[in-house]
Amino acid sequence: MYLATIILFASIYRIMFTIDTTSFTLPDTVHNGSVFHIYVTFIYFSSTTFTSTGIGDILPFKAWAKLLVDFNNYLQWDIL
């Protein structure tokens, strides 16, 4: 259940980033990376958000991205 939720949100974040590349603030090396590298970056972001680690090198920038990340945080408490 945990892994499926992390992958689901990583996929949603990836789609959001495809639609609007300014929706998240990412390290410069990620913007020039492959699709796989960007997806792995969002899996990393989703897992750190889901576990409340929150490293801080990837940040939601747009309001709708912040709302989705908040929903991810609230959902984790329902699952845990």
N, C-alpha and C. Protein backbone atom coordinates (compact mmCIF):
# COMPACT_ATOMS: atom_id res chain seq x y z
N MET A 1 0.82 -1.19 0.00
CA MET A 1 0.00 0.00 0.00
C MET A 1 0.87 1.26 0.00
N TYR A 2 1.92 1.26 0.84
CA TYR A 2 2.79 2.43 0.92
C TYR A 2 3.49 2.68 -0.41
N LEU A 3 4.07 1.63 -0.95
CA LEU A 3 4.82 1.77 -2.20
C LEU A 3 3.89 2.19 -3.35
N ALA A 4 2.70 1.63 -3.39
CA ALA A 4 1.75 2.00 -4.45
C ALA A 4 1.38 3.48 -4.35
N THR A 5 1.19 3.98 -3.14
CA THR A 5 0.85 5.39 -2.95
C THR A 5 2.01 6.28 -3.35
N ILE A 6 3.22 5.90 -3.00
CA ILE A 6 4.41 6.67 -3.37
C ILE A 6 4.55 6.73 -4.89
N ILE A 7 4.37 5.60 -5.55
CA ILE A 7 4.49 5.56 -7.01
C ILE A 7 3.36 6.35 -7.66
N LEU A 8 2.15 6.26 -7.11
CA LEU A 8 1.03 7.03 -7.65
C LEU A 8 1.31 8.53 -7.60
N PHE A 9 1.74 9.02 -6.44
CA PHE A 9 2.01 10.45 -6.33
C PHE A 9 3.22 10.86 -7.17
N ALA A 10 4.22 10.01 -7.26
CA ALA A 10 5.37 10.32 -8.13
C ALA A 10 4.92 10.46 -9.57
N SER A 11 4.00 9.62 -10.00
CA SER A 11 3.48 9.71 -11.36
C SER A 11 2.69 10.99 -11.57
N ILE A 12 1.88 11.35 -10.58
CA ILE A 12 1.12 12.60 -10.67
C ILE A 12 2.06 13.80 -10.71
N TYR A 13 3.08 13.79 -9.86
CA TYR A 13 4.06 14.89 -9.86
C TYR A 13 4.76 14.97 -11.21
N ARG A 14 5.09 13.83 -11.79
CA ARG A 14 5.78 13.81 -13.09
C ARG A 14 4.88 14.40 -14.17
N ILE A 15 3.60 14.06 -14.15
CA ILE A 15 2.66 14.62 -15.12
C ILE A 15 2.54 16.12 -14.93
N MET A 16 2.45 16.55 -13.68
CA MET A 16 2.38 18.00 -13.40
C MET A 16 3.61 18.71 -13.94
N PHE A 17 4.78 18.10 -13.75
CA PHE A 17 6.02 18.71 -14.22
C PHE A 17 6.08 18.73 -15.75
N THR A 18 5.50 17.73 -16.40
CA THR A 18 5.45 17.71 -17.86
C THR A 18 4.56 18.83 -18.38
N ILE A 19 3.44 19.06 -17.70
CA ILE A 19 2.51 20.11 -18.11
C ILE A 19 3.12 21.50 -17.87
N ASP A 20 3.75 21.67 -16.70
CA ASP A 20 4.32 22.98 -16.33
C ASP A 20 5.64 22.74 -15.60
N THR A 21 6.75 22.99 -16.27
CA THR A 21 8.06 22.72 -15.68
C THR A 21 8.40 23.65 -14.53
N THR A 22 7.60 24.69 -14.32
CA THR A 22 7.85 25.58 -13.19
C THR A 22 7.03 25.19 -11.96
N SER A 23 6.30 24.06 -12.03
CA SER A 23 5.47 23.65 -10.90
C SER A 23 6.31 23.17 -9.72
N PHE A 24 7.51 22.70 -9.97
CA PHE A 24 8.43 22.28 -8.92
C PHE A 24 9.79 22.92 -9.14
N THR A 25 10.45 23.22 -8.05
CA THR A 25 11.83 23.69 -8.11
C THR A 25 12.72 22.47 -7.93
N LEU A 26 13.47 22.13 -8.97
CA LEU A 26 14.33 20.95 -8.96
C LEU A 26 15.78 21.36 -9.11
N PRO A 27 16.70 20.50 -8.69
CA PRO A 27 18.12 20.77 -8.95
C PRO A 27 18.37 20.87 -10.46
N ASP A 28 19.33 21.66 -10.86
CA ASP A 28 19.61 21.89 -12.28
C ASP A 28 19.92 20.61 -13.04
N THR A 29 20.56 19.65 -12.40
CA THR A 29 20.92 18.41 -13.09
C THR A 29 19.70 17.60 -13.48
N VAL A 30 18.60 17.79 -12.80
CA VAL A 30 17.38 17.04 -13.12
C VAL A 30 16.72 17.58 -14.38
N HIS A 31 16.72 18.89 -14.57
CA HIS A 31 16.08 19.48 -15.75
C HIS A 31 16.70 18.97 -17.03
N ASN A 32 17.97 18.66 -17.03
CA ASN A 32 18.65 18.20 -18.23
C ASN A 32 18.72 16.68 -18.31
N GLY A 33 18.12 16.00 -17.35
CA GLY A 33 18.19 14.54 -17.31
C GLY A 33 17.16 13.87 -18.21
N SER A 34 17.26 12.56 -18.25
CA SER A 34 16.33 11.76 -19.04
C SER A 34 14.98 11.68 -18.34
N VAL A 35 14.00 11.17 -19.04
CA VAL A 35 12.66 10.99 -18.47
C VAL A 35 12.74 10.07 -17.25
N PHE A 36 13.54 9.01 -17.35
CA PHE A 36 13.72 8.09 -16.23
C PHE A 36 14.32 8.80 -15.02
N HIS A 37 15.32 9.63 -15.25
CA HIS A 37 15.98 10.36 -14.15
C HIS A 37 14.99 11.30 -13.46
N ILE A 38 14.17 11.96 -14.23
CA ILE A 38 13.16 12.86 -13.65
C ILE A 38 12.13 12.07 -12.86
N TYR A 39 11.70 10.91 -13.40
CA TYR A 39 10.72 10.08 -12.70
C TYR A 39 11.29 9.56 -11.38
N VAL A 40 12.53 9.12 -11.40
CA VAL A 40 13.18 8.65 -10.16
C VAL A 40 13.28 9.79 -9.15
N THR A 41 13.53 10.98 -9.62
CA THR A 41 13.58 12.15 -8.73
C THR A 41 12.24 12.37 -8.05
N PHE A 42 11.15 12.20 -8.79
CA PHE A 42 9.83 12.38 -8.19
C PHE A 42 9.45 11.21 -7.28
N ILE A 43 9.96 10.01 -7.54
CA ILE A 43 9.77 8.91 -6.58
C ILE A 43 10.48 9.25 -5.28
N TYR A 44 11.69 9.79 -5.39
CA TYR A 44 12.44 10.23 -4.21
C TYR A 44 11.67 11.32 -3.45
N PHE A 45 11.14 12.29 -4.18
CA PHE A 45 10.38 13.37 -3.54
C PHE A 45 9.13 12.82 -2.88
N SER A 46 8.42 11.95 -3.57
CA SER A 46 7.19 11.39 -3.02
C SER A 46 7.47 10.56 -1.76
N SER A 47 8.54 9.79 -1.77
CA SER A 47 8.84 8.97 -0.59
C SER A 47 9.30 9.82 0.59
N THR A 48 10.07 10.87 0.33
CA THR A 48 10.48 11.73 1.45
C THR A 48 9.31 12.53 1.99
N THR A 49 8.37 12.89 1.12
CA THR A 49 7.16 13.58 1.57
C THR A 49 6.27 12.63 2.35
N PHE A 50 6.12 11.42 1.84
CA PHE A 50 5.23 10.44 2.46
C PHE A 50 5.73 10.02 3.84
N THR A 51 7.04 9.96 4.01
CA THR A 51 7.60 9.55 5.30
C THR A 51 7.89 10.73 6.21
N SER A 52 7.51 11.92 5.80
CA SER A 52 7.72 13.17 6.56
C SER A 52 9.19 13.51 6.77
N THR A 53 10.05 12.98 5.92
CA THR A 53 11.47 13.32 6.00
C THR A 53 11.70 14.73 5.48
N GLY A 54 11.15 15.01 4.30
CA GLY A 54 11.20 16.35 3.72
C GLY A 54 12.59 16.93 3.58
N ILE A 55 13.39 16.39 2.68
CA ILE A 55 14.78 16.80 2.53
C ILE A 55 14.90 18.28 2.15
N GLY A 56 14.13 18.77 1.19
CA GLY A 56 14.13 20.19 0.86
C GLY A 56 14.84 20.57 -0.41
N ASP A 57 15.41 19.61 -1.13
CA ASP A 57 16.08 19.96 -2.39
C ASP A 57 15.10 20.02 -3.56
N ILE A 58 13.90 19.49 -3.37
CA ILE A 58 12.83 19.58 -4.36
C ILE A 58 11.65 20.24 -3.67
N LEU A 59 11.15 21.31 -4.26
CA LEU A 59 10.08 22.06 -3.62
C LEU A 59 8.93 22.30 -4.60
N PRO A 60 7.68 22.17 -4.13
CA PRO A 60 6.58 22.58 -4.98
C PRO A 60 6.58 24.10 -5.08
N PHE A 61 6.41 24.61 -6.28
CA PHE A 61 6.49 26.05 -6.49
C PHE A 61 5.13 26.67 -6.75
N LYS A 62 4.34 26.06 -7.60
CA LYS A 62 3.01 26.58 -7.93
C LYS A 62 2.01 26.19 -6.85
N ALA A 63 0.94 26.96 -6.73
CA ALA A 63 -0.07 26.72 -5.69
C ALA A 63 -0.70 25.34 -5.81
N TRP A 64 -1.02 24.91 -7.03
CA TRP A 64 -1.67 23.61 -7.20
C TRP A 64 -0.71 22.47 -6.89
N ALA A 65 0.58 22.67 -7.09
CA ALA A 65 1.56 21.65 -6.72
C ALA A 65 1.66 21.56 -5.19
N LYS A 66 1.62 22.70 -4.53
CA LYS A 66 1.65 22.71 -3.06
C LYS A 66 0.43 22.03 -2.48
N LEU A 67 -0.74 22.26 -3.09
CA LEU A 67 -1.96 21.61 -2.61
C LEU A 67 -1.89 20.10 -2.76
N LEU A 68 -1.34 19.63 -3.86
CA LEU A 68 -1.22 18.18 -4.06
C LEU A 68 -0.24 17.58 -3.07
N VAL A 69 0.85 18.26 -2.79
CA VAL A 69 1.81 17.77 -1.80
C VAL A 69 1.16 17.75 -0.41
N ASP A 70 0.36 18.76 -0.11
CA ASP A 70 -0.38 18.75 1.16
C ASP A 70 -1.32 17.55 1.23
N PHE A 71 -2.01 17.26 0.14
CA PHE A 71 -2.89 16.10 0.11
C PHE A 71 -2.09 14.82 0.33
N ASN A 72 -0.90 14.74 -0.26
CA ASN A 72 -0.02 13.59 -0.04
C ASN A 72 0.30 13.46 1.44
N ASN A 73 0.58 14.56 2.11
CA ASN A 73 0.88 14.53 3.54
C ASN A 73 -0.31 14.07 4.36
N TYR A 74 -1.50 14.59 4.04
CA TYR A 74 -2.69 14.19 4.78
C TYR A 74 -3.03 12.73 4.56
N LEU A 75 -2.82 12.25 3.34
CA LEU A 75 -3.11 10.87 3.02
C LEU A 75 -2.21 9.92 3.80
N GLN A 76 -0.97 10.32 4.00
CA GLN A 76 -0.04 9.43 4.73
C GLN A 76 -0.56 9.17 6.14
N TRP A 77 -1.17 10.15 6.76
CA TRP A 77 -1.67 9.95 8.12
C TRP A 77 -2.86 9.01 8.15
N ASP A 78 -3.66 8.99 7.08
CA ASP A 78 -4.75 8.05 7.01
C ASP A 78 -4.24 6.63 6.80
N ILE A 79 -3.18 6.48 6.03
CA ILE A 79 -2.64 5.15 5.76
C ILE A 79 -1.87 4.62 6.96
N LEU A 80 -1.11 5.50 7.61
CA LEU A 80 -0.33 5.06 8.77
C LEU A 80 -1.27 4.79 9.91
